Amino acid sequence: MAFRLVANPAIRARPFPSPRHLPRLQLCISSRPYSGLKYDEVWKNEIWKNWKGWTRAAAAGGLAFVGYITRDLWITDRYREYQRHSHQSDRDSAIYETLKRGPLFPELVQDTLPRDALASESRELITPEKEPQGYSLVIGEHGTGKTSLIQLIVNSLKKPKGVVYMSIPNTDDSVDPVLDSRDTATTIFEVFDVFSHVALRYRNAHQTIPVLVVDNTNKLPTLLLAQFQDFAKEASDSGIAIVIFVSSEGRIPRQMRERSAWSRVQRVFEIGDVSKDEALQYLRLHGIDDKTAAQIYELVGGCMILLKSTARNIQKRVRIDDLRHALFNETNDRLRVTGMLPGGEFHKQGKAIISKLLKENVISNYTY
């Protein structure tokens, strides 16, 4: 008689105790003829009888699969969080060292006048103090040497300097990073947060309040100017930092005066043209004889930027008459553009202003 390997229906299939293993049928060698019970029916019956074990096994397998899939995501998130904290720590440390070292200016300040009295007053504004004080505004016409004076004073401070310098670029929707760092902030509020955090750390370590110098404030659009001014007020109230705004005369002082934050202004410091003696001294330092120096001062007055450019041209052997002709042409073009030449829209007003300036050398904002 031939032997077959068949499922013996007389022996009930028993699942193993653990639900991790699928139930299987016991097999035996039997000489009984094939009973006719189909294998598929036996399998279905056993599954129905042991549905709880199958359910537990499926649930356990599903949880294991989900855990395996999410493990990489969870580890990645934790690693990213670690990287973020590590990056912030490294950035804060780099910025803190920059605050102690002071700003590094791209160009060395050269060809400057001592202007001792002016430098002494400016130093008082820029030097970090132990007690909180309001913010200040340094103003002056273009070319009076505001930036050069600020940079000279910062360079002369002893370390730790506790000074941060930022210059507003020629754009309407962005600002330079506050600090000398490879990382740039995405918003001005992030700039303020980063600086406040590091400034507080510096104040606690050195018992002095650091200074933030904002140069070229006149290039800030109105909204950003208001945000800077609000930060200066809050920094003053909390004793975190002293903010110094450096700006040309014009709309900036007027706009700042119109806001409530103006109440925290400590001082408005004006840097004007150099005196005649200072101008002649500067020209002599550049090897220009007294006669030519006097002619240059008569032509450009004490405007520092014009004294520098004229001195360079004289050193290049440009004649004083040619310089005078070029300056008159430039002035004429500006008066024409503004409508102040005879026949222009604002000729009457311009004539009154220029006459007042020629007579008194200065005109107040109220009179203007």
Protein backbone atom coordinates (compact mmCIF):
# COMPACT_ATOMS: atom_id res chain seq x y z
CA MET A 1 0.00 0.00 0.00
CA ALA A 2 1.29 3.36 -0.88
CA PHE A 3 1.89 5.84 1.90
CA ARG A 4 0.83 9.46 1.77
CA LEU A 5 1.83 12.50 3.74
CA VAL A 6 -1.56 13.93 4.71
CA ALA A 7 -3.07 16.11 7.39
CA ASN A 8 -4.66 13.83 9.96
CA PRO A 9 -8.09 15.24 10.81
CA ALA A 10 -8.22 13.08 13.88
CA ILE A 11 -5.54 15.19 15.52
CA ARG A 12 -6.53 18.80 16.22
CA ALA A 13 -4.06 21.44 15.26
CA ARG A 14 -2.76 23.34 18.26
CA PRO A 15 -1.04 26.71 17.98
CA PHE A 16 2.17 27.22 19.86
CA PRO A 17 1.72 29.10 23.16
CA SER A 18 3.37 32.27 21.90
CA PRO A 19 1.32 34.47 19.50
CA ARG A 20 4.55 35.43 17.81
CA HIS A 21 4.52 32.12 15.96
CA LEU A 22 1.86 31.25 13.48
CA PRO A 23 -0.22 28.16 14.31
CA ARG A 24 0.71 25.12 12.30
CA LEU A 25 -0.90 21.73 11.76
CA GLN A 26 0.65 18.60 13.15
CA LEU A 27 1.59 16.14 10.42
CA CYS A 28 1.81 12.37 10.65
CA ILE A 29 2.36 9.37 8.44
CA SER A 30 -0.82 7.37 8.19
CA SER A 31 -1.84 4.28 6.30
CA ARG A 32 -5.44 5.51 6.26
CA PRO A 33 -6.75 6.31 2.84
CA TYR A 34 -7.24 10.01 2.06
CA SER A 35 -10.44 11.02 3.82
CA GLY A 36 -11.46 13.53 1.21
CA LEU A 37 -11.26 16.55 3.58
CA LYS A 38 -9.60 19.27 1.62
CA TYR A 39 -6.52 20.92 2.99
CA ASP A 40 -7.90 24.42 2.43
CA GLU A 41 -10.94 23.74 4.54
CA VAL A 42 -8.81 22.49 7.40
CA TRP A 43 -6.66 25.58 7.19
CA LYS A 44 -9.67 27.91 7.22
CA ASN A 45 -11.18 26.08 10.20
CA GLU A 46 -8.00 26.37 12.19
CA ILE A 47 -7.69 30.06 11.44
CA TRP A 48 -11.25 30.69 12.62
CA LYS A 49 -10.67 28.74 15.80
CA ASN A 50 -7.50 30.66 16.64
CA TRP A 51 -8.46 34.20 15.53
CA LYS A 52 -7.33 35.75 18.82
CA GLY A 53 -3.79 34.47 18.40
CA TRP A 54 -3.71 35.73 14.83
CA THR A 55 -4.95 39.18 15.92
CA ARG A 56 -2.30 39.48 18.61
CA ALA A 57 0.37 38.44 16.16
CA ALA A 58 -0.77 40.99 13.57
CA ALA A 59 -0.89 43.79 16.17
CA ALA A 60 2.58 42.96 17.45
CA GLY A 61 3.94 42.88 13.92
CA GLY A 62 2.32 46.23 13.09
CA LEU A 63 3.78 47.90 16.17
CA ALA A 64 7.20 46.52 15.37
CA PHE A 65 6.98 47.82 11.81
CA VAL A 66 5.85 51.29 12.92
CA GLY A 67 8.62 51.42 15.50
CA TYR A 68 11.19 50.44 12.91
CA ILE A 69 9.98 53.10 10.44
CA THR A 70 9.71 55.95 12.97
CA ARG A 71 12.99 55.11 14.63
CA ASP A 72 14.99 56.84 11.90
CA LEU A 73 12.69 59.86 11.96
CA TRP A 74 12.93 60.15 15.75
CA ILE A 75 16.70 59.83 15.71
CA THR A 76 16.92 62.40 12.89
CA ASP A 77 14.79 64.94 14.81
CA ARG A 78 16.84 64.47 17.96
CA TYR A 79 20.05 64.88 15.99
CA ARG A 80 18.75 68.01 14.29
CA GLU A 81 17.75 69.46 17.65
CA TYR A 82 21.22 68.72 18.99
CA GLN A 83 22.80 70.33 15.93
CA ARG A 84 20.62 73.43 16.33
CA HIS A 85 21.57 73.91 19.99
CA SER A 86 25.22 73.24 19.20
CA HIS A 87 25.12 75.74 16.32
CA GLN A 88 23.49 78.42 18.48
CA SER A 89 26.08 77.88 21.20
CA ASP A 90 28.95 78.20 18.74
CA ARG A 91 27.41 81.30 17.18
CA ASP A 92 26.84 82.99 20.53
CA SER A 93 30.42 82.25 21.56
CA ALA A 94 31.77 83.71 18.31
CA ILE A 95 29.63 86.82 18.67
CA TYR A 96 30.64 87.23 22.29
CA GLU A 97 34.31 87.15 21.32
CA THR A 98 33.57 89.73 18.62
CA LEU A 99 31.92 91.96 21.20
CA LYS A 100 35.00 91.79 23.41
CA ARG A 101 37.41 92.34 20.53
CA GLY A 102 35.45 95.15 18.94
CA PRO A 103 34.66 95.72 15.25
CA LEU A 104 37.21 95.23 12.52
CA PHE A 105 36.90 98.01 9.97
CA PRO A 106 37.69 97.04 6.36
CA GLU A 107 39.78 100.17 5.77
CA LEU A 108 42.12 101.95 8.12
CA VAL A 109 41.17 105.52 8.90
CA GLN A 110 43.82 107.79 7.47
CA ASP A 111 44.42 111.50 6.97
CA THR A 112 42.47 112.60 10.01
CA LEU A 113 42.65 115.67 12.20
CA PRO A 114 42.98 115.25 15.97
CA ARG A 115 39.89 117.38 16.81
CA ASP A 116 40.64 116.64 20.47
CA ALA A 117 37.63 118.43 21.98
CA LEU A 118 35.20 116.74 19.62
CA ALA A 119 36.85 113.35 20.09
CA SER A 120 36.67 113.66 23.87
CA GLU A 121 32.92 114.32 23.80
CA SER A 122 32.33 111.50 21.32
CA ARG A 123 34.34 109.07 23.44
CA GLU A 124 31.99 109.67 26.36
CA LEU A 125 29.06 108.55 24.21
CA ILE A 126 30.69 105.41 22.80
CA THR A 127 32.50 104.07 25.86
CA PRO A 128 30.46 101.36 27.68
CA GLU A 129 29.07 102.53 31.04
CA LYS A 130 28.25 100.73 34.28
CA GLU A 131 24.86 102.36 34.71
CA PRO A 132 21.96 102.33 32.22
CA GLN A 133 21.40 105.44 30.16
CA GLY A 134 19.32 106.49 27.19
CA TYR A 135 20.31 106.21 23.56
CA SER A 136 22.04 109.04 21.70
CA LEU A 137 21.98 110.54 18.22
CA VAL A 138 25.10 111.77 16.41
CA ILE A 139 24.22 113.97 13.44
CA GLY A 140 26.11 116.00 10.87
CA GLU A 141 26.07 116.84 7.21
CA HIS A 142 27.51 114.44 4.69
CA GLY A 143 31.28 114.68 4.64
CA THR A 144 31.82 116.13 8.12
CA GLY A 145 33.79 113.08 9.25
CA LYS A 146 31.24 111.35 11.50
CA THR A 147 32.17 107.80 10.50
CA SER A 148 35.91 108.49 10.60
CA LEU A 149 35.64 109.96 14.08
CA ILE A 150 33.58 107.02 15.37
CA GLN A 151 36.02 104.49 13.95
CA LEU A 152 39.03 106.31 15.42
CA ILE A 153 37.45 106.29 18.86
CA VAL A 154 36.49 102.61 18.67
CA ASN A 155 40.01 101.69 17.56
CA SER A 156 41.48 103.58 20.53
CA LEU A 157 39.39 101.73 23.17
CA LYS A 158 41.08 99.10 25.29
CA LYS A 159 39.95 95.49 25.23
CA PRO A 160 37.46 94.25 26.13
CA LYS A 161 35.84 97.02 24.11
CA GLY A 162 32.20 96.00 24.37
CA VAL A 163 31.26 97.80 21.15
CA VAL A 164 29.38 96.53 18.11
CA TYR A 165 29.36 98.59 14.93
CA MET A 166 26.89 98.17 12.08
CA SER A 167 26.55 100.20 8.91
CA ILE A 168 23.25 100.37 7.07
CA PRO A 169 23.70 99.53 3.37
CA ASN A 170 22.18 101.26 0.37
CA THR A 171 19.01 99.16 0.34
CA ASP A 172 15.48 99.77 1.48
CA ASP A 173 14.53 96.29 2.72
CA SER A 174 17.53 94.83 4.51
CA VAL A 175 20.29 95.67 6.92
CA ASP A 176 23.78 94.42 7.49
CA PRO A 177 24.25 91.72 10.10
CA VAL A 178 24.70 93.34 13.49
CA LEU A 179 27.74 91.24 14.25
CA ASP A 180 30.86 90.04 12.51
CA SER A 181 29.70 86.45 11.97
CA ARG A 182 29.32 84.03 9.08
CA ASP A 183 25.68 83.57 10.06
CA THR A 184 23.27 86.25 8.99
CA ALA A 185 19.97 86.85 10.68
CA THR A 186 16.81 86.52 8.62
CA THR A 187 14.84 89.32 10.31
CA ILE A 188 15.68 92.43 12.27
CA PHE A 189 13.95 90.93 15.30
CA GLU A 190 16.34 87.98 15.19
CA VAL A 191 19.19 90.51 15.06
CA PHE A 192 17.85 92.18 18.20
CA ASP A 193 17.35 88.84 19.99
CA VAL A 194 20.87 87.62 19.24
CA PHE A 195 22.46 90.90 20.25
CA SER A 196 20.38 91.17 23.45
CA HIS A 197 21.37 87.66 24.54
CA VAL A 198 25.08 88.26 23.99
CA ALA A 199 24.96 91.80 25.41
CA LEU A 200 23.42 90.50 28.64
CA ARG A 201 26.16 87.91 28.91
CA TYR A 202 28.80 90.61 28.39
CA ARG A 203 27.22 92.91 30.99
CA ASN A 204 27.17 90.15 33.60
CA ALA A 205 30.78 89.20 32.90
CA HIS A 206 32.34 92.69 32.73
CA GLN A 207 29.89 94.81 34.74
CA THR A 208 29.52 97.32 31.92
CA ILE A 209 26.73 97.85 29.42
CA PRO A 210 27.87 97.29 25.80
CA VAL A 211 27.30 99.79 23.01
CA LEU A 212 25.66 99.28 19.62
CA VAL A 213 26.62 101.91 17.00
CA VAL A 214 24.18 102.15 14.07
CA ASP A 215 25.90 104.16 11.34
CA ASN A 216 24.14 105.60 8.27
CA THR A 217 20.81 105.57 10.08
CA ASN A 218 19.50 107.96 7.43
CA LYS A 219 19.44 105.00 4.99
CA LEU A 220 16.87 103.13 7.08
CA PRO A 221 13.32 103.09 5.72
CA THR A 222 10.66 104.49 8.05
CA LEU A 223 9.42 101.14 9.40
CA LEU A 224 12.89 99.83 10.20
CA LEU A 225 13.83 103.14 11.79
CA ALA A 226 10.86 102.84 14.15
CA GLN A 227 11.84 99.27 15.04
CA PHE A 228 15.42 100.30 15.78
CA GLN A 229 14.24 103.21 17.91
CA ASP A 230 11.87 100.96 19.89
CA PHE A 231 14.70 98.51 20.50
CA ALA A 232 16.96 101.36 21.67
CA LYS A 233 14.30 102.42 24.17
CA GLU A 234 13.75 98.87 25.47
CA ALA A 235 17.49 98.21 25.69
CA SER A 236 17.91 101.42 27.66
CA ASP A 237 15.05 100.62 30.05
CA SER A 238 16.35 97.11 30.73
CA GLY A 239 20.00 98.12 30.91
CA ILE A 240 21.01 95.63 28.21
CA ALA A 241 22.71 97.99 25.77
CA ILE A 242 23.37 101.60 24.82
CA VAL A 243 22.45 102.42 21.21
CA ILE A 244 24.16 105.24 19.29
CA PHE A 245 22.53 106.37 16.04
CA VAL A 246 24.80 108.12 13.52
CA SER A 247 22.95 110.00 10.79
CA SER A 248 23.06 112.88 8.39
CA GLU A 249 20.77 115.78 9.13
CA GLY A 250 17.34 115.71 7.55
CA ARG A 251 14.31 113.47 8.00
CA ILE A 252 15.78 111.09 10.60
CA PRO A 253 15.90 113.49 13.58
CA ARG A 254 12.43 114.79 12.73
CA GLN A 255 10.90 111.32 12.46
CA MET A 256 12.53 110.15 15.68
CA ARG A 257 11.29 113.21 17.59
CA GLU A 258 7.71 112.45 16.61
CA ARG A 259 7.68 109.06 18.38
CA SER A 260 7.21 108.33 22.08
CA ALA A 261 10.55 106.51 22.18
CA TRP A 262 12.21 109.92 21.83
CA SER A 263 11.74 110.32 25.60
CA ARG A 264 14.73 108.01 26.16
CA VAL A 265 17.17 110.15 24.17
CA GLN A 266 20.12 111.07 26.33
CA ARG A 267 21.88 113.45 23.97
CA VAL A 268 21.88 114.78 20.41
CA PHE A 269 25.49 115.35 19.44
CA GLU A 270 26.25 117.36 16.31
CA ILE A 271 29.46 117.12 14.32
CA GLY A 272 29.96 120.14 12.10
CA ASP A 273 32.58 121.34 9.65
CA VAL A 274 36.14 121.84 10.77
CA SER A 275 37.32 125.31 11.66
CA LYS A 276 39.54 127.37 9.40
CA ASP A 277 42.62 126.65 11.51
CA GLU A 278 41.88 122.89 11.45
CA ALA A 279 41.31 122.95 7.69
CA LEU A 280 44.59 124.78 7.02
CA GLN A 281 46.40 122.41 9.36
CA TYR A 282 44.98 119.43 7.49
CA LEU A 283 46.06 120.83 4.11
CA ARG A 284 49.57 121.59 5.37
CA LEU A 285 49.87 117.98 6.56
CA HIS A 286 49.33 116.99 2.92
CA GLY A 287 52.18 119.15 1.69
CA ILE A 288 50.07 122.02 0.35
CA ASP A 289 51.57 125.47 0.69
CA ASP A 290 49.84 128.19 2.71
CA LYS A 291 48.69 130.22 -0.33
CA THR A 292 47.05 127.27 -2.05
CA ALA A 293 45.62 126.05 1.27
CA ALA A 294 43.95 129.42 1.79
CA GLN A 295 42.47 129.30 -1.73
CA ILE A 296 41.13 125.79 -1.11
CA TYR A 297 39.48 126.83 2.15
CA GLU A 298 37.90 129.82 0.43
CA LEU A 299 36.53 127.46 -2.22
CA VAL A 300 35.20 124.52 -0.14
CA GLY A 301 35.15 125.83 3.44
CA GLY A 302 35.44 123.35 6.30
CA CYS A 303 33.63 120.42 4.68
CA MET A 304 35.95 117.53 5.41
CA ILE A 305 35.04 115.40 2.42
CA LEU A 306 35.66 118.29 0.00
CA LEU A 307 38.94 119.15 1.70
CA LYS A 308 40.11 115.55 1.22
CA SER A 309 39.12 115.32 -2.44
CA THR A 310 40.57 118.74 -3.26
CA ALA A 311 43.84 117.93 -1.52
CA ARG A 312 44.16 114.71 -3.55
CA ASN A 313 43.53 116.59 -6.81
CA ILE A 314 46.12 119.25 -5.94
CA GLN A 315 48.64 116.47 -5.24
CA LYS A 316 47.85 115.13 -8.72
CA ARG A 317 48.76 118.56 -10.09
CA VAL A 318 45.21 119.60 -10.95
CA ARG A 319 45.00 123.40 -11.10
CA ILE A 320 42.92 125.23 -8.51
CA ASP A 321 41.06 127.12 -11.27
CA ASP A 322 39.99 123.85 -12.86
CA LEU A 323 38.72 122.58 -9.50
CA ARG A 324 36.77 125.80 -8.95
CA HIS A 325 35.16 125.50 -12.38
CA ALA A 326 34.18 121.86 -11.76
CA LEU A 327 32.63 122.66 -8.37
CA PHE A 328 30.64 125.58 -9.76
CA ASN A 329 29.27 123.37 -12.55
CA GLU A 330 28.25 120.70 -10.07
CA THR A 331 26.56 123.25 -7.83
CA ASN A 332 24.73 124.77 -10.77
CA ASP A 333 23.41 121.34 -11.80
CA ARG A 334 22.10 120.67 -8.29
CA LEU A 335 20.35 124.03 -8.09
CA ARG A 336 18.77 123.43 -11.48
CA VAL A 337 17.47 119.98 -10.49
CA THR A 338 15.92 121.37 -7.30
CA GLY A 339 14.29 124.28 -9.15
CA MET A 340 16.24 126.98 -7.32
CA LEU A 341 17.81 128.73 -10.31
CA PRO A 342 16.18 131.94 -11.68
CA GLY A 343 12.89 130.95 -13.26
CA GLY A 344 12.69 127.77 -11.21
CA GLU A 345 9.74 126.76 -9.04
CA PHE A 346 11.61 127.30 -5.76
CA HIS A 347 13.90 130.16 -6.76
CA LYS A 348 12.43 132.60 -4.24
CA GLN A 349 12.72 130.20 -1.29
CA GLY A 350 16.19 129.02 -2.32
CA LYS A 351 17.43 132.58 -2.66
CA ALA A 352 16.26 133.41 0.88
CA ILE A 353 17.94 130.31 2.35
CA ILE A 354 21.24 130.83 0.55
CA SER A 355 21.30 134.54 1.49
CA LYS A 356 20.77 133.60 5.14
CA LEU A 357 23.54 131.00 5.01
CA LEU A 358 25.99 133.40 3.35
CA LYS A 359 25.26 136.02 5.96
CA GLU A 360 25.26 133.90 9.14
CA ASN A 361 27.03 130.69 8.02
CA VAL A 362 24.36 128.62 9.78
CA ILE A 363 20.59 128.33 9.80
CA SER A 364 18.41 126.66 12.43
CA ASN A 365 15.89 123.96 11.61
CA TYR A 366 13.08 126.26 12.81
CA THR A 367 14.19 129.09 10.52
CA TYR A 368 14.53 126.69 7.61
